[in-house]
PDB file of all heavy atoms in Angstrom:
ATOM      1  N   PHE A   1     -11.778  12.442  17.576  1.00  0.00           N
ATOM      2  CA  PHE A   1     -12.974  13.250  17.549  1.00  0.00           C
ATOM      3  C   PHE A   1     -13.054  14.151  16.318  1.00  0.00           C
ATOM      4  O   PHE A   1     -14.144  14.539  15.914  1.00  0.00           O
ATOM      5  CB  PHE A   1     -13.050  14.132  18.811  1.00  0.00           C
ATOM      6  CG  PHE A   1     -13.342  13.337  20.050  1.00  0.00           C
ATOM      7  CD1 PHE A   1     -12.319  12.943  20.890  1.00  0.00           C
ATOM      8  CD2 PHE A   1     -14.643  12.970  20.375  1.00  0.00           C
ATOM      9  CE1 PHE A   1     -12.576  12.196  22.030  1.00  0.00           C
ATOM     10  CE2 PHE A   1     -14.908  12.217  21.516  1.00  0.00           C
ATOM     11  CZ  PHE A   1     -13.866  11.830  22.346  1.00  0.00           C
ATOM     12  N   SER A   2     -11.924  14.488  15.741  1.00  0.00           N
ATOM     13  CA  SER A   2     -11.948  15.486  14.663  1.00  0.00           C
ATOM     14  C   SER A   2     -12.711  15.012  13.434  1.00  0.00           C
ATOM     15  O   SER A   2     -13.567  15.714  12.924  1.00  0.00           O
ATOM     16  CB  SER A   2     -10.527  15.875  14.278  1.00  0.00           C
ATOM     17  OG  SER A   2      -9.814  14.742  13.809  1.00  0.00           O
ATOM     18  N   TYR A   3     -12.393  13.809  12.959  1.00  0.00           N
ATOM     19  CA  TYR A   3     -13.081  13.294  11.780  1.00  0.00           C
ATOM     20  C   TYR A   3     -13.630  11.890  11.996  1.00  0.00           C
ATOM     21  O   TYR A   3     -14.082  11.237  11.053  1.00  0.00           O
ATOM     22  CB  TYR A   3     -12.132  13.280  10.571  1.00  0.00           C
ATOM     23  CG  TYR A   3     -11.754  14.671  10.136  1.00  0.00           C
ATOM     24  CD1 TYR A   3     -10.586  15.267  10.590  1.00  0.00           C
ATOM     25  CD2 TYR A   3     -12.585  15.396   9.289  1.00  0.00           C
ATOM     26  CE1 TYR A   3     -10.251  16.555  10.204  1.00  0.00           C
ATOM     27  CE2 TYR A   3     -12.260  16.691   8.900  1.00  0.00           C
ATOM     28  CZ  TYR A   3     -11.086  17.263   9.368  1.00  0.00           C
ATOM     29  OH  TYR A   3     -10.766  18.532   8.994  1.00  0.00           O
ATOM     30  N   GLY A   4     -13.574  11.406  13.222  1.00  0.00           N
ATOM     31  CA  GLY A   4     -14.119  10.095  13.529  1.00  0.00           C
ATOM     32  C   GLY A   4     -13.507   9.013  12.665  1.00  0.00           C
ATOM     33  O   GLY A   4     -12.277   8.877  12.607  1.00  0.00           O
ATOM     34  N   ASN A   5     -14.318   8.288  11.952  1.00  0.00           N
ATOM     35  CA  ASN A   5     -13.844   7.209  11.084  1.00  0.00           C
ATOM     36  C   ASN A   5     -13.862   7.606   9.609  1.00  0.00           C
ATOM     37  O   ASN A   5     -13.857   6.737   8.733  1.00  0.00           O
ATOM     38  CB  ASN A   5     -14.700   5.959  11.286  1.00  0.00           C
ATOM     39  CG  ASN A   5     -14.490   5.354  12.664  1.00  0.00           C
ATOM     40  OD1 ASN A   5     -13.383   5.342  13.183  1.00  0.00           O
ATOM     41  ND2 ASN A   5     -15.565   4.837  13.252  1.00  0.00           N
ATOM     42  N   GLU A   6     -13.888   8.914   9.319  1.00  0.00           N
ATOM     43  CA  GLU A   6     -13.895   9.352   7.928  1.00  0.00           C
ATOM     44  C   GLU A   6     -12.592   8.958   7.241  1.00  0.00           C
ATOM     45  O   GLU A   6     -11.513   8.998   7.849  1.00  0.00           O
ATOM     46  CB  GLU A   6     -14.096  10.861   7.843  1.00  0.00           C
ATOM     47  CG  GLU A   6     -15.494  11.315   8.234  1.00  0.00           C
ATOM     48  CD  GLU A   6     -15.686  12.799   8.022  1.00  0.00           C
ATOM     49  OE1 GLU A   6     -15.218  13.317   6.982  1.00  0.00           O
ATOM     50  OE2 GLU A   6     -16.277  13.448   8.901  1.00  0.00           O
ATOM     51  N   THR A   7     -12.700   8.616   5.949  1.00  0.00           N
ATOM     52  CA  THR A   7     -11.537   8.147   5.198  1.00  0.00           C
ATOM     53  C   THR A   7     -11.414   8.878   3.858  1.00  0.00           C
ATOM     54  O   THR A   7     -12.335   9.579   3.429  1.00  0.00           O
ATOM     55  CB  THR A   7     -11.632   6.632   4.923  1.00  0.00           C
ATOM     56  OG1 THR A   7     -12.793   6.370   4.140  1.00  0.00           O
ATOM     57  CG2 THR A   7     -11.689   5.847   6.222  1.00  0.00           C
ATOM     58  N   PHE A   8     -10.289   8.687   3.227  1.00  0.00           N
ATOM     59  CA  PHE A   8     -10.085   9.170   1.860  1.00  0.00           C
ATOM     60  C   PHE A   8      -9.425   8.050   1.066  1.00  0.00           C
ATOM     61  O   PHE A   8      -8.930   7.077   1.642  1.00  0.00           O
ATOM     62  CB  PHE A   8      -9.236  10.442   1.830  1.00  0.00           C
ATOM     63  CG  PHE A   8      -7.774  10.228   2.155  1.00  0.00           C
ATOM     64  CD1 PHE A   8      -6.830  10.067   1.150  1.00  0.00           C
ATOM     65  CD2 PHE A   8      -7.335  10.189   3.477  1.00  0.00           C
ATOM     66  CE1 PHE A   8      -5.482   9.876   1.444  1.00  0.00           C
ATOM     67  CE2 PHE A   8      -5.990  10.005   3.784  1.00  0.00           C
ATOM     68  CZ  PHE A   8      -5.067   9.845   2.765  1.00  0.00           C
ATOM     69  N   LYS A   9      -9.414   8.174  -0.244  1.00  0.00           N
ATOM     70  CA  LYS A   9      -8.840   7.167  -1.113  1.00  0.00           C
ATOM     71  C   LYS A   9      -7.337   7.440  -1.316  1.00  0.00           C
ATOM     72  O   LYS A   9      -6.968   8.399  -1.992  1.00  0.00           O
ATOM     73  CB  LYS A   9      -9.542   7.152  -2.479  1.00  0.00           C
ATOM     74  CG  LYS A   9     -11.030   6.811  -2.428  1.00  0.00           C
ATOM     75  CD  LYS A   9     -11.255   5.358  -2.070  1.00  0.00           C
ATOM     76  CE  LYS A   9     -12.729   5.002  -2.150  1.00  0.00           C
ATOM     77  NZ  LYS A   9     -13.002   3.609  -1.724  1.00  0.00           N
ATOM     78  N   GLN A  10      -6.520   6.599  -0.697  1.00  0.00           N
ATOM     79  CA  GLN A  10      -5.076   6.690  -0.921  1.00  0.00           C
ATOM     80  C   GLN A  10      -4.710   5.772  -2.093  1.00  0.00           C
ATOM     81  O   GLN A  10      -5.038   4.597  -2.102  1.00  0.00           O
ATOM     82  CB  GLN A  10      -4.293   6.270   0.318  1.00  0.00           C
ATOM     83  CG  GLN A  10      -2.785   6.371   0.114  1.00  0.00           C
ATOM     84  CD  GLN A  10      -1.989   5.899   1.321  1.00  0.00           C
ATOM     85  OE1 GLN A  10      -2.511   5.199   2.175  1.00  0.00           O
ATOM     86  NE2 GLN A  10      -0.727   6.271   1.378  1.00  0.00           N
ATOM     87  N   ARG A  11      -4.048   6.341  -3.058  1.00  0.00           N
ATOM     88  CA  ARG A  11      -3.685   5.568  -4.255  1.00  0.00           C
ATOM     89  C   ARG A  11      -2.363   4.836  -4.034  1.00  0.00           C
ATOM     90  O   ARG A  11      -1.441   5.360  -3.407  1.00  0.00           O
ATOM     91  CB  ARG A  11      -3.557   6.502  -5.451  1.00  0.00           C
ATOM     92  CG  ARG A  11      -3.306   5.791  -6.777  1.00  0.00           C
ATOM     93  CD  ARG A  11      -3.531   6.709  -7.956  1.00  0.00           C
ATOM     94  NE  ARG A  11      -2.644   7.840  -7.980  1.00  0.00           N
ATOM     95  CZ  ARG A  11      -2.073   8.329  -9.088  1.00  0.00           C
ATOM     96  NH1 ARG A  11      -2.304   7.761 -10.249  1.00  0.00           N
ATOM     97  NH2 ARG A  11      -1.304   9.390  -9.017  1.00  0.00           N
ATOM     98  N   TYR A  12      -2.278   3.627  -4.566  1.00  0.00           N
ATOM     99  CA  TYR A  12      -1.003   2.914  -4.560  1.00  0.00           C
ATOM    100  C   TYR A  12      -0.921   2.021  -5.790  1.00  0.00           C
ATOM    101  O   TYR A  12      -1.931   1.661  -6.394  1.00  0.00           O
ATOM    102  CB  TYR A  12      -0.795   2.120  -3.265  1.00  0.00           C
ATOM    103  CG  TYR A  12      -1.764   0.987  -3.002  1.00  0.00           C
ATOM    104  CD1 TYR A  12      -1.398  -0.344  -3.228  1.00  0.00           C
ATOM    105  CD2 TYR A  12      -3.031   1.229  -2.478  1.00  0.00           C
ATOM    106  CE1 TYR A  12      -2.270  -1.381  -2.947  1.00  0.00           C
ATOM    107  CE2 TYR A  12      -3.910   0.193  -2.208  1.00  0.00           C
ATOM    108  CZ  TYR A  12      -3.531  -1.109  -2.436  1.00  0.00           C
ATOM    109  OH  TYR A  12      -4.392  -2.144  -2.172  1.00  0.00           O
ATOM    110  N   LEU A  13       0.299   1.717  -6.176  1.00  0.00           N
ATOM    111  CA  LEU A  13       0.573   0.908  -7.374  1.00  0.00           C
ATOM    112  C   LEU A  13       1.140  -0.438  -6.949  1.00  0.00           C
ATOM    113  O   LEU A  13       1.923  -0.524  -5.998  1.00  0.00           O
ATOM    114  CB  LEU A  13       1.571   1.629  -8.284  1.00  0.00           C
ATOM    115  CG  LEU A  13       1.271   3.101  -8.616  1.00  0.00           C
ATOM    116  CD1 LEU A  13       2.343   3.662  -9.558  1.00  0.00           C
ATOM    117  CD2 LEU A  13      -0.117   3.271  -9.213  1.00  0.00           C
ATOM    118  N   VAL A  14       0.767  -1.486  -7.666  1.00  0.00           N
ATOM    119  CA  VAL A  14       1.145  -2.854  -7.290  1.00  0.00           C
ATOM    120  C   VAL A  14       1.666  -3.608  -8.510  1.00  0.00           C
ATOM    121  O   VAL A  14       1.099  -3.514  -9.604  1.00  0.00           O
ATOM    122  CB  VAL A  14      -0.061  -3.624  -6.716  1.00  0.00           C
ATOM    123  CG1 VAL A  14       0.351  -5.037  -6.307  1.00  0.00           C
ATOM    124  CG2 VAL A  14      -0.677  -2.889  -5.540  1.00  0.00           C
ATOM    125  N   ASN A  15       2.729  -4.383  -8.298  1.00  0.00           N
ATOM    126  CA  ASN A  15       3.135  -5.410  -9.263  1.00  0.00           C
ATOM    127  C   ASN A  15       3.401  -6.682  -8.468  1.00  0.00           C
ATOM    128  O   ASN A  15       4.291  -6.725  -7.615  1.00  0.00           O
ATOM    129  CB  ASN A  15       4.393  -5.002 -10.028  1.00  0.00           C
ATOM    130  CG  ASN A  15       4.762  -6.025 -11.101  1.00  0.00           C
ATOM    131  OD1 ASN A  15       4.979  -7.194 -10.804  1.00  0.00           O
ATOM    132  ND2 ASN A  15       4.839  -5.585 -12.340  1.00  0.00           N
ATOM    133  N   ASP A  16       2.589  -7.716  -8.753  1.00  0.00           N
ATOM    134  CA  ASP A  16       2.755  -8.986  -8.046  1.00  0.00           C
ATOM    135  C   ASP A  16       3.219 -10.108  -8.977  1.00  0.00           C
ATOM    136  O   ASP A  16       3.121 -11.287  -8.644  1.00  0.00           O
ATOM    137  CB  ASP A  16       1.461  -9.386  -7.341  1.00  0.00           C
ATOM    138  CG  ASP A  16       0.284  -9.542  -8.308  1.00  0.00           C
ATOM    139  OD1 ASP A  16       0.486  -9.430  -9.534  1.00  0.00           O
ATOM    140  OD2 ASP A  16      -0.854  -9.770  -7.830  1.00  0.00           O
ATOM    141  N   SER A  17       3.723  -9.729 -10.170  1.00  0.00           N
ATOM    142  CA  SER A  17       4.077 -10.743 -11.164  1.00  0.00           C
ATOM    143  C   SER A  17       5.299 -11.564 -10.749  1.00  0.00           C
ATOM    144  O   SER A  17       5.481 -12.689 -11.227  1.00  0.00           O
ATOM    145  CB  SER A  17       4.343 -10.078 -12.523  1.00  0.00           C
ATOM    146  OG  SER A  17       5.409  -9.145 -12.436  1.00  0.00           O
ATOM    147  N   TRP A  18       6.144 -11.006  -9.889  1.00  0.00           N
ATOM    148  CA  TRP A  18       7.343 -11.739  -9.450  1.00  0.00           C
ATOM    149  C   TRP A  18       7.151 -12.404  -8.091  1.00  0.00           C
ATOM    150  O   TRP A  18       8.004 -13.150  -7.642  1.00  0.00           O
ATOM    151  CB  TRP A  18       8.545 -10.789  -9.368  1.00  0.00           C
ATOM    152  CG  TRP A  18       8.824 -10.048 -10.624  1.00  0.00           C
ATOM    153  CD1 TRP A  18       9.172 -10.579 -11.833  1.00  0.00           C
ATOM    154  CD2 TRP A  18       8.762  -8.632 -10.811  1.00  0.00           C
ATOM    155  NE1 TRP A  18       9.350  -9.582 -12.760  1.00  0.00           N
ATOM    156  CE2 TRP A  18       9.107  -8.363 -12.156  1.00  0.00           C
ATOM    157  CE3 TRP A  18       8.475  -7.559  -9.975  1.00  0.00           C
ATOM    158  CZ2 TRP A  18       9.152  -7.084 -12.680  1.00  0.00           C
ATOM    159  CZ3 TRP A  18       8.528  -6.266 -10.490  1.00  0.00           C
ATOM    160  CH2 TRP A  18       8.852  -6.050 -11.826  1.00  0.00           C
ATOM    161  N   TRP A  19       6.054 -12.100  -7.430  1.00  0.00           N
ATOM    162  CA  TRP A  19       5.920 -12.473  -6.021  1.00  0.00           C
ATOM    163  C   TRP A  19       5.714 -13.971  -5.839  1.00  0.00           C
ATOM    164  O   TRP A  19       4.931 -14.593  -6.561  1.00  0.00           O
ATOM    165  CB  TRP A  19       4.749 -11.714  -5.404  1.00  0.00           C
ATOM    166  CG  TRP A  19       4.635 -11.867  -3.921  1.00  0.00           C
ATOM    167  CD1 TRP A  19       5.623 -11.693  -3.006  1.00  0.00           C
ATOM    168  CD2 TRP A  19       3.462 -12.217  -3.187  1.00  0.00           C
ATOM    169  NE1 TRP A  19       5.154 -11.899  -1.736  1.00  0.00           N
ATOM    170  CE2 TRP A  19       3.817 -12.235  -1.815  1.00  0.00           C
ATOM    171  CE3 TRP A  19       2.145 -12.521  -3.529  1.00  0.00           C
ATOM    172  CZ2 TRP A  19       2.908 -12.534  -0.808  1.00  0.00           C
ATOM    173  CZ3 TRP A  19       1.233 -12.813  -2.530  1.00  0.00           C
ATOM    174  CH2 TRP A  19       1.618 -12.817  -1.193  1.00  0.00           C
ATOM    175  N   LEU A  20       6.425 -14.511  -4.867  1.00  0.00           N
ATOM    176  CA  LEU A  20       6.192 -15.872  -4.411  1.00  0.00           C
ATOM    177  C   LEU A  20       5.136 -15.790  -3.310  1.00  0.00           C
ATOM    178  O   LEU A  20       5.428 -15.334  -2.202  1.00  0.00           O
ATOM    179  CB  LEU A  20       7.474 -16.501  -3.877  1.00  0.00           C
ATOM    180  CG  LEU A  20       7.369 -17.936  -3.347  1.00  0.00           C
ATOM    181  CD1 LEU A  20       6.937 -18.891  -4.470  1.00  0.00           C
ATOM    182  CD2 LEU A  20       8.700 -18.388  -2.740  1.00  0.00           C
ATOM    183  N   PRO A  21       3.895 -16.174  -3.592  1.00  0.00           N
ATOM    184  CA  PRO A  21       2.799 -15.956  -2.640  1.00  0.00           C
ATOM    185  C   PRO A  21       3.096 -16.490  -1.244  1.00  0.00           C
ATOM    186  O   PRO A  21       3.606 -17.603  -1.089  1.00  0.00           O
ATOM    187  CB  PRO A  21       1.629 -16.715  -3.290  1.00  0.00           C
ATOM    188  CG  PRO A  21       1.944 -16.668  -4.752  1.00  0.00           C
ATOM    189  CD  PRO A  21       3.441 -16.801  -4.841  1.00  0.00           C
ATOM    190  N   HIS A  22       2.805 -15.647  -0.268  1.00  0.00           N
ATOM    191  CA  HIS A  22       2.881 -15.963   1.158  1.00  0.00           C
ATOM    192  C   HIS A  22       4.319 -16.120   1.676  1.00  0.00           C
ATOM    193  O   HIS A  22       4.517 -16.345   2.872  1.00  0.00           O
ATOM    194  CB  HIS A  22       2.085 -17.229   1.486  1.00  0.00           C
ATOM    195  CG  HIS A  22       0.812 -17.369   0.735  1.00  0.00           C
ATOM    196  ND1 HIS A  22      -0.124 -16.365   0.696  1.00  0.00           N
ATOM    197  CD2 HIS A  22       0.305 -18.377  -0.030  1.00  0.00           C
ATOM    198  CE1 HIS A  22      -1.155 -16.745  -0.049  1.00  0.00           C
ATOM    199  NE2 HIS A  22      -0.921 -17.961  -0.506  1.00  0.00           N
ATOM    200  N   LYS A  23       5.309 -16.005   0.785  1.00  0.00           N
ATOM    201  CA  LYS A  23       6.695 -16.200   1.224  1.00  0.00           C
ATOM    202  C   LYS A  23       7.630 -15.064   0.796  1.00  0.00           C
ATOM    203  O   LYS A  23       8.568 -14.728   1.509  1.00  0.00           O
ATOM    204  CB  LYS A  23       7.225 -17.535   0.685  1.00  0.00           C
ATOM    205  CG  LYS A  23       6.530 -18.754   1.260  1.00  0.00           C
ATOM    206  CD  LYS A  23       7.157 -20.038   0.737  1.00  0.00           C
ATOM    207  CE  LYS A  23       6.469 -21.256   1.325  1.00  0.00           C
ATOM    208  NZ  LYS A  23       7.071 -22.536   0.818  1.00  0.00           N
ATOM    209  N   GLY A  24       7.401 -14.506  -0.387  1.00  0.00           N
ATOM    210  CA  GLY A  24       8.296 -13.469  -0.879  1.00  0.00           C
ATOM    211  C   GLY A  24       8.175 -12.181  -0.077  1.00  0.00           C
ATOM    212  O   GLY A  24       7.132 -11.899   0.523  1.00  0.00           O
ATOM    213  N   PRO A  25       9.223 -11.356  -0.051  1.00  0.00           N
ATOM    214  CA  PRO A  25       9.181 -10.094   0.694  1.00  0.00           C
ATOM    215  C   PRO A  25       8.307  -9.062  -0.005  1.00  0.00           C
ATOM    216  O   PRO A  25       7.938  -9.213  -1.174  1.00  0.00           O
ATOM    217  CB  PRO A  25      10.644  -9.649   0.699  1.00  0.00           C
ATOM    218  CG  PRO A  25      11.194 -10.221  -0.577  1.00  0.00           C
ATOM    219  CD  PRO A  25      10.513 -11.548  -0.734  1.00  0.00           C
ATOM    220  N   ILE A  26       7.997  -8.007   0.726  1.00  0.00           N
ATOM    221  CA  ILE A  26       7.280  -6.865   0.177  1.00  0.00           C
ATOM    222  C   ILE A  26       8.253  -5.707   0.032  1.00  0.00           C
ATOM    223  O   ILE A  26       8.883  -5.292   1.009  1.00  0.00           O
ATOM    224  CB  ILE A  26       6.100  -6.464   1.089  1.00  0.00           C
ATOM    225  CG1 ILE A  26       5.093  -7.613   1.183  1.00  0.00           C
ATOM    226  CG2 ILE A  26       5.423  -5.195   0.575  1.00  0.00           C
ATOM    227  CD1 ILE A  26       4.015  -7.399   2.232  1.00  0.00           C
ATOM    228  N   PHE A  27       8.423  -5.214  -1.182  1.00  0.00           N
ATOM    229  CA  PHE A  27       9.230  -4.030  -1.433  1.00  0.00           C
ATOM    230  C   PHE A  27       8.275  -2.845  -1.478  1.00  0.00           C
ATOM    231  O   PHE A  27       7.438  -2.744  -2.380  1.00  0.00           O
ATOM    232  CB  PHE A  27       9.999  -4.147  -2.742  1.00  0.00           C
ATOM    233  CG  PHE A  27      11.163  -5.109  -2.700  1.00  0.00           C
ATOM    234  CD1 PHE A  27      11.899  -5.386  -3.843  1.00  0.00           C
ATOM    235  CD2 PHE A  27      11.547  -5.722  -1.512  1.00  0.00           C
ATOM    236  CE1 PHE A  27      12.982  -6.245  -3.800  1.00  0.00           C
ATOM    237  CE2 PHE A  27      12.628  -6.594  -1.458  1.00  0.00           C
ATOM    238  CZ  PHE A  27      13.347  -6.857  -2.622  1.00  0.00           C
ATOM    239  N   PHE A  28       8.426  -1.942  -0.507  1.00  0.00           N
ATOM    240  CA  PHE A  28       7.451  -0.864  -0.308  1.00  0.00           C
ATOM    241  C   PHE A  28       8.121   0.486  -0.518  1.00  0.00           C
ATOM    242  O   PHE A  28       8.998   0.885   0.251  1.00  0.00           O
ATOM    243  CB  PHE A  28       6.872  -0.949   1.109  1.00  0.00           C
ATOM    244  CG  PHE A  28       5.716  -0.039   1.367  1.00  0.00           C
ATOM    245  CD1 PHE A  28       4.409  -0.473   1.165  1.00  0.00           C
ATOM    246  CD2 PHE A  28       5.913   1.249   1.830  1.00  0.00           C
ATOM    247  CE1 PHE A  28       3.331   0.363   1.412  1.00  0.00           C
ATOM    248  CE2 PHE A  28       4.852   2.094   2.078  1.00  0.00           C
ATOM    249  CZ  PHE A  28       3.561   1.659   1.872  1.00  0.00           C
ATOM    250  N   TYR A  29       7.714   1.190  -1.580  1.00  0.00           N
ATOM    251  CA  TYR A  29       8.261   2.527  -1.835  1.00  0.00           C
ATOM    252  C   TYR A  29       7.437   3.555  -1.078  1.00  0.00           C
ATOM    253  O   TYR A  29       6.219   3.661  -1.257  1.00  0.00           O
ATOM    254  CB  TYR A  29       8.234   2.857  -3.332  1.00  0.00           C
ATOM    255  CG  TYR A  29       8.940   4.162  -3.636  1.00  0.00           C
ATOM    256  CD1 TYR A  29      10.284   4.186  -3.965  1.00  0.00           C
ATOM    257  CD2 TYR A  29       8.266   5.372  -3.528  1.00  0.00           C
ATOM    258  CE1 TYR A  29      10.940   5.386  -4.205  1.00  0.00           C
ATOM    259  CE2 TYR A  29       8.907   6.577  -3.754  1.00  0.00           C
ATOM    260  CZ  TYR A  29      10.254   6.581  -4.093  1.00  0.00           C
ATOM    261  OH  TYR A  29      10.901   7.777  -4.311  1.00  0.00           O
ATOM    262  N   THR A  30       8.117   4.332  -0.230  1.00  0.00           N
ATOM    263  CA  THR A  30       7.465   5.375   0.552  1.00  0.00           C
ATOM    264  C   THR A  30       7.377   6.641  -0.303  1.00  0.00           C
ATOM    265  O   THR A  30       8.316   7.414  -0.391  1.00  0.00           O
ATOM    266  CB  THR A  30       8.246   5.657   1.845  1.00  0.00           C
ATOM    267  OG1 THR A  30       9.636   5.860   1.529  1.00  0.00           O
ATOM    268  CG2 THR A  30       8.139   4.497   2.814  1.00  0.00           C
ATOM    269  N   GLY A  31       6.214   6.835  -0.914  1.00  0.00           N
ATOM    270  CA  GLY A  31       6.043   7.914  -1.881  1.00  0.00           C
ATOM    271  C   GLY A  31       6.329   9.288  -1.312  1.00  0.00           C
ATOM    272  O   GLY A  31       6.067   9.558  -0.136  1.00  0.00           O
ATOM    273  N   ASN A  32       6.854  10.149  -2.164  1.00  0.00           N
ATOM    274  CA  ASN A  32       7.214  11.494  -1.715  1.00  0.00           C
ATOM    275  C   ASN A  32       6.356  12.574  -2.360  1.00  0.00           C
ATOM    276  O   ASN A  32       5.192  12.334  -2.665  1.00  0.00           O
ATOM    277  CB  ASN A  32       8.708  11.782  -1.870  1.00  0.00           C
ATOM    278  CG  ASN A  32       9.415  10.989  -2.940  1.00  0.00           C
ATOM    279  OD1 ASN A  32       9.022   9.900  -3.332  1.00  0.00           O
ATOM    280  ND2 ASN A  32      10.502  11.528  -3.415  1.00  0.00           N
ATOM    281  N   GLU A  33       6.934  13.753  -2.562  1.00  0.00           N
ATOM    282  CA  GLU A  33       6.148  14.954  -2.836  1.00  0.00           C
ATOM    283  C   GLU A  33       5.735  15.074  -4.302  1.00  0.00           C
ATOM    284  O   GLU A  33       6.093  16.022  -5.003  1.00  0.00           O
ATOM    285  CB  GLU A  33       6.902  16.210  -2.366  1.00  0.00           C
ATOM    286  CG  GLU A  33       8.142  16.625  -3.152  1.00  0.00           C
ATOM    287  CD  GLU A  33       9.391  15.842  -2.851  1.00  0.00           C
ATOM    288  OE1 GLU A  33       9.298  14.674  -2.405  1.00  0.00           O
ATOM    289  OE2 GLU A  33      10.477  16.370  -3.079  1.00  0.00           O
TER     290      GLU A  33
END
């Protein structure tokens, strides 16, 4: 109820140059302060 479906733009950085599509793992950095 507080903000309903309101959203904000969360930024993230991507490098897919090494990725094996649909099979390679995802390395996910949990950004900090």
